[in-house]
Amino acid sequence: LSLGGELKRREMLSARLGDVLSHLYLASAVLKRFEDEGRQQADLPFVHYSLQHCLHQCANAFDGAFNNFPRKGVGRTLRTLLFPIGMHYDAPSDVVANQIADLLMTPGAHRERLTHLCYVGTKESDPIAIMERAFDAMQGIKPLEKKLAVAAKKGQLPAKGILAERLEKALELNVLTKDEVEQIKQADALRSKAIQVDNFDPSWFADTTKSAASRSKKGKAA
């Protein structure tokens, strides 16, 4: 009422109101999916995080709109009328974020519902396949890691050190069987492969250097 058609020309103000609408739409989409999938209790941390994030963004947009309203008195009046006790929409807490991280790091139906459309290649060199194999392998050795931790607490094994040496000692003391030691080694190899970033075989650089030198000679000859 106070701006009339001028609202369209106040692009920053109308953009903030658009942000409110967008995040309300996203919040409603989260609730609809939660409802459509049968209100899975394991998904509640995802729902809480999403709604807290959306409402926090709405509050920030409203706050910016009120503070930057062309007529200050109108902005303050709107804030008082719409949020008489204040905008108490905090950002998602670390507690909720940690709950989500724990769920994503634990195999189960809740994780499958989120990742079932992700492409996982069948080749040994496929990056996502490597990550998934490492993930499953590391989950599989958790009981064995617990055995090592108990033995370390009793003073039978060092709590830290080179893994191969600790496993050899655990085998000698019958803390782990030969098959269990081999399982841990395989899982650690997959873990190591999964975390390699920009890792290249030395021969690749040698081949590249030779190719560059060959091209240089050919260029000079021409």
Protein backbone atom coordinates (compact mmCIF):
# COMPACT_ATOMS: atom_id res chain seq x y z
CA LEU A 1 0.00 0.00 0.00
CA SER A 2 2.81 2.42 0.79
CA LEU A 3 4.86 1.61 -2.33
CA GLY A 4 2.22 0.71 -4.89
CA GLY A 5 3.65 -0.05 -8.32
CA GLU A 6 7.06 1.16 -7.15
CA LEU A 7 7.57 -2.23 -5.46
CA LYS A 8 8.51 -3.73 -8.84
CA ARG A 9 11.25 -1.13 -9.28
CA ARG A 10 12.58 -1.85 -5.79
CA GLU A 11 14.34 -4.98 -7.07
CA MET A 12 16.41 -5.72 -3.97
CA LEU A 13 13.32 -5.49 -1.78
CA SER A 14 11.18 -7.65 -4.07
CA ALA A 15 14.08 -10.14 -4.38
CA ARG A 16 14.14 -10.58 -0.60
CA LEU A 17 10.40 -11.26 -0.60
CA GLY A 18 11.03 -13.75 -3.43
CA ASP A 19 13.63 -15.47 -1.24
CA VAL A 20 11.00 -15.89 1.48
CA LEU A 21 8.60 -17.50 -0.99
CA SER A 22 11.31 -19.78 -2.43
CA HIS A 23 12.39 -21.13 0.96
CA LEU A 24 8.78 -21.64 2.05
CA TYR A 25 8.28 -23.68 -1.12
CA LEU A 26 11.40 -25.76 -0.38
CA ALA A 27 10.23 -26.33 3.20
CA SER A 28 6.82 -27.52 2.00
CA ALA A 29 8.52 -29.86 -0.50
CA VAL A 30 10.54 -31.39 2.35
CA LEU A 31 7.39 -32.00 4.38
CA LYS A 32 5.56 -33.49 1.40
CA ARG A 33 8.37 -35.93 0.69
CA PHE A 34 8.53 -36.92 4.35
CA GLU A 35 4.77 -37.55 4.29
CA ASP A 36 4.81 -39.40 0.94
CA GLU A 37 7.57 -41.76 2.10
CA GLY A 38 5.62 -42.82 5.16
CA ARG A 39 7.10 -40.49 7.79
CA GLN A 40 10.30 -42.51 8.16
CA GLN A 41 11.62 -41.73 11.64
CA ALA A 42 15.21 -42.19 10.51
CA ASP A 43 14.73 -39.23 8.15
CA LEU A 44 13.75 -36.79 10.90
CA PRO A 45 17.24 -35.25 11.26
CA PHE A 46 17.19 -34.45 7.53
CA VAL A 47 13.73 -32.91 7.89
CA HIS A 48 14.69 -30.85 10.95
CA TYR A 49 17.86 -29.57 9.30
CA SER A 50 16.07 -28.63 6.09
CA LEU A 51 13.20 -26.82 7.81
CA GLN A 52 15.48 -24.98 10.23
CA HIS A 53 17.66 -23.88 7.31
CA CYS A 54 14.68 -22.69 5.24
CA LEU A 55 13.04 -20.80 8.10
CA HIS A 56 16.36 -19.21 9.06
CA GLN A 57 16.81 -17.99 5.47
CA CYS A 58 13.24 -16.65 5.51
CA ALA A 59 13.99 -14.72 8.70
CA ASN A 60 17.17 -13.26 7.19
CA ALA A 61 15.25 -12.16 4.09
CA PHE A 62 12.48 -10.59 6.17
CA ASP A 63 15.04 -8.85 8.36
CA GLY A 64 16.75 -7.38 5.29
CA ALA A 65 13.41 -6.28 3.85
CA PHE A 66 12.33 -4.55 7.08
CA ASN A 67 15.70 -2.85 7.58
CA ASN A 68 15.86 -1.59 4.01
CA PHE A 69 12.23 -0.64 3.52
CA PRO A 70 12.12 2.77 1.80
CA ARG A 71 9.89 4.16 4.56
CA LYS A 72 11.55 3.25 7.86
CA GLY A 73 8.39 3.67 9.91
CA VAL A 74 6.55 1.19 7.73
CA GLY A 75 9.38 -1.34 8.00
CA ARG A 76 9.39 -1.15 11.81
CA THR A 77 5.59 -1.39 11.89
CA LEU A 78 5.59 -4.49 9.68
CA ARG A 79 8.22 -6.15 11.89
CA THR A 80 6.12 -5.48 15.00
CA LEU A 81 2.88 -6.69 13.44
CA LEU A 82 4.24 -9.82 11.76
CA PHE A 83 6.78 -10.88 14.41
CA PRO A 84 5.62 -9.34 17.71
CA ILE A 85 7.90 -11.59 19.82
CA GLY A 86 10.81 -11.50 17.38
CA MET A 87 12.08 -13.83 14.65
CA HIS A 88 13.44 -16.81 16.53
CA TYR A 89 14.51 -18.95 13.58
CA ASP A 90 18.05 -20.07 14.30
CA ALA A 91 20.30 -21.84 11.80
CA PRO A 92 20.52 -25.65 12.14
CA SER A 93 22.62 -26.67 15.12
CA ASP A 94 25.77 -28.77 14.99
CA VAL A 95 23.88 -31.49 16.87
CA VAL A 96 21.50 -32.00 13.95
CA ALA A 97 24.37 -31.78 11.45
CA ASN A 98 26.24 -34.51 13.36
CA GLN A 99 23.13 -36.71 13.39
CA ILE A 100 22.94 -36.41 9.60
CA ALA A 101 26.64 -37.22 9.24
CA ASP A 102 26.22 -40.33 11.39
CA LEU A 103 23.26 -41.50 9.29
CA LEU A 104 25.14 -40.97 6.02
CA MET A 105 28.08 -42.95 7.38
CA THR A 106 25.88 -45.88 8.43
CA PRO A 107 24.51 -48.38 5.87
CA GLY A 108 20.75 -48.77 5.90
CA ALA A 109 17.45 -48.02 4.21
CA HIS A 110 17.66 -44.33 5.14
CA ARG A 111 20.89 -43.99 3.15
CA GLU A 112 19.54 -46.00 0.22
CA ARG A 113 16.52 -43.71 -0.07
CA LEU A 114 18.84 -40.78 -0.65
CA THR A 115 21.41 -42.46 -2.91
CA HIS A 116 19.45 -44.99 -4.96
CA LEU A 117 19.50 -42.72 -8.04
CA CYS A 118 23.25 -42.06 -7.83
CA TYR A 119 25.23 -43.70 -10.61
CA VAL A 120 27.79 -46.26 -9.47
CA GLY A 121 29.98 -47.68 -12.24
CA THR A 122 30.91 -51.33 -12.54
CA LYS A 123 34.55 -50.76 -13.55
CA GLU A 124 37.32 -51.16 -10.98
CA SER A 125 38.51 -47.64 -11.80
CA ASP A 126 35.14 -45.94 -11.32
CA PRO A 127 35.60 -43.30 -8.56
CA ILE A 128 32.15 -43.71 -7.01
CA ALA A 129 32.45 -47.50 -7.06
CA ILE A 130 35.80 -47.22 -5.26
CA MET A 131 34.23 -44.99 -2.61
CA GLU A 132 31.32 -47.40 -2.11
CA ARG A 133 33.59 -50.46 -1.84
CA ALA A 134 35.78 -48.64 0.67
CA PHE A 135 32.70 -47.54 2.61
CA ASP A 136 31.35 -51.10 2.85
CA ALA A 137 34.77 -52.52 3.71
CA MET A 138 35.38 -50.02 6.51
CA GLN A 139 31.94 -50.75 7.93
CA GLY A 140 32.74 -54.45 7.85
CA ILE A 141 35.88 -54.14 9.99
CA LYS A 142 34.35 -52.04 12.77
CA PRO A 143 33.99 -55.08 15.10
CA LEU A 144 37.64 -55.94 14.39
CA GLU A 145 38.74 -52.39 15.15
CA LYS A 146 36.89 -52.69 18.43
CA LYS A 147 38.92 -55.82 19.24
CA LEU A 148 42.13 -53.87 18.59
CA ALA A 149 40.92 -51.01 20.78
CA VAL A 150 40.11 -53.39 23.67
CA ALA A 151 43.52 -55.05 23.37
CA ALA A 152 45.22 -51.63 23.34
CA LYS A 153 43.29 -50.62 26.45
CA LYS A 154 44.54 -53.77 28.20
CA GLY A 155 48.10 -52.91 27.22
CA GLN A 156 48.50 -55.88 24.87
CA LEU A 157 48.91 -53.70 21.76
CA PRO A 158 50.17 -50.19 21.15
CA ALA A 159 47.32 -47.72 20.68
CA LYS A 160 49.17 -46.02 17.83
CA GLY A 161 51.77 -46.96 15.28
CA ILE A 162 52.13 -48.55 11.88
CA LEU A 163 49.06 -50.62 11.08
CA ALA A 164 50.99 -53.57 9.65
CA GLU A 165 53.07 -53.88 12.81
CA ARG A 166 50.02 -53.65 15.07
CA LEU A 167 48.23 -56.32 13.05
CA GLU A 168 51.25 -58.61 13.18
CA LYS A 169 51.37 -58.23 16.96
CA ALA A 170 47.60 -58.86 17.20
CA LEU A 171 48.03 -62.07 15.21
CA GLU A 172 50.83 -63.27 17.48
CA LEU A 173 48.69 -62.67 20.57
CA ASN A 174 45.60 -64.31 19.01
CA VAL A 175 43.68 -61.05 19.30
CA LEU A 176 42.82 -61.45 15.62
CA THR A 177 42.79 -64.44 13.28
CA LYS A 178 44.72 -64.55 10.02
CA ASP A 179 41.52 -63.99 8.02
CA GLU A 180 40.59 -60.99 10.17
CA VAL A 181 44.02 -59.46 9.69
CA GLU A 182 43.70 -59.93 5.93
CA GLN A 183 40.23 -58.34 6.01
CA ILE A 184 41.58 -55.24 7.75
CA LYS A 185 44.47 -54.98 5.27
CA GLN A 186 42.11 -55.17 2.30
CA ALA A 187 39.80 -52.56 3.81
CA ASP A 188 42.74 -50.24 4.52
CA ALA A 189 43.97 -50.66 0.94
CA LEU A 190 40.54 -49.66 -0.37
CA ARG A 191 40.43 -46.72 2.03
CA SER A 192 43.84 -45.55 0.84
CA LYS A 193 42.75 -45.86 -2.80
CA ALA A 194 39.55 -43.92 -2.13
CA ILE A 195 41.27 -40.91 -0.57
CA GLN A 196 43.88 -40.45 -3.29
CA VAL A 197 43.52 -37.00 -4.85
CA ASP A 198 45.29 -36.09 -8.11
CA ASN A 199 47.42 -39.19 -7.69
CA PHE A 200 49.39 -40.10 -10.84
CA ASP A 201 51.71 -42.99 -11.59
CA PRO A 202 55.36 -41.84 -12.03
CA SER A 203 55.47 -43.55 -15.43
CA TRP A 204 52.80 -41.13 -16.67
CA PHE A 205 55.16 -38.20 -16.17
CA ALA A 206 58.03 -40.07 -17.84
CA ASP A 207 55.88 -40.82 -20.89
CA THR A 208 54.72 -37.21 -21.07
CA THR A 209 58.29 -35.91 -20.86
CA LYS A 210 59.43 -38.27 -23.64
CA SER A 211 56.52 -37.24 -25.85
CA ALA A 212 57.27 -33.55 -25.31
CA ALA A 213 60.98 -34.07 -26.10
CA SER A 214 60.08 -36.01 -29.25
CA ARG A 215 57.77 -33.24 -30.44
CA SER A 216 60.47 -30.65 -29.76
CA LYS A 217 63.03 -32.57 -31.89
CA LYS A 218 60.56 -32.96 -34.72
CA GLY A 219 59.79 -29.26 -34.58
CA LYS A 220 63.48 -28.32 -34.81
CA ALA A 221 64.03 -30.73 -37.66
CA ALA A 222 61.15 -29.20 -39.60
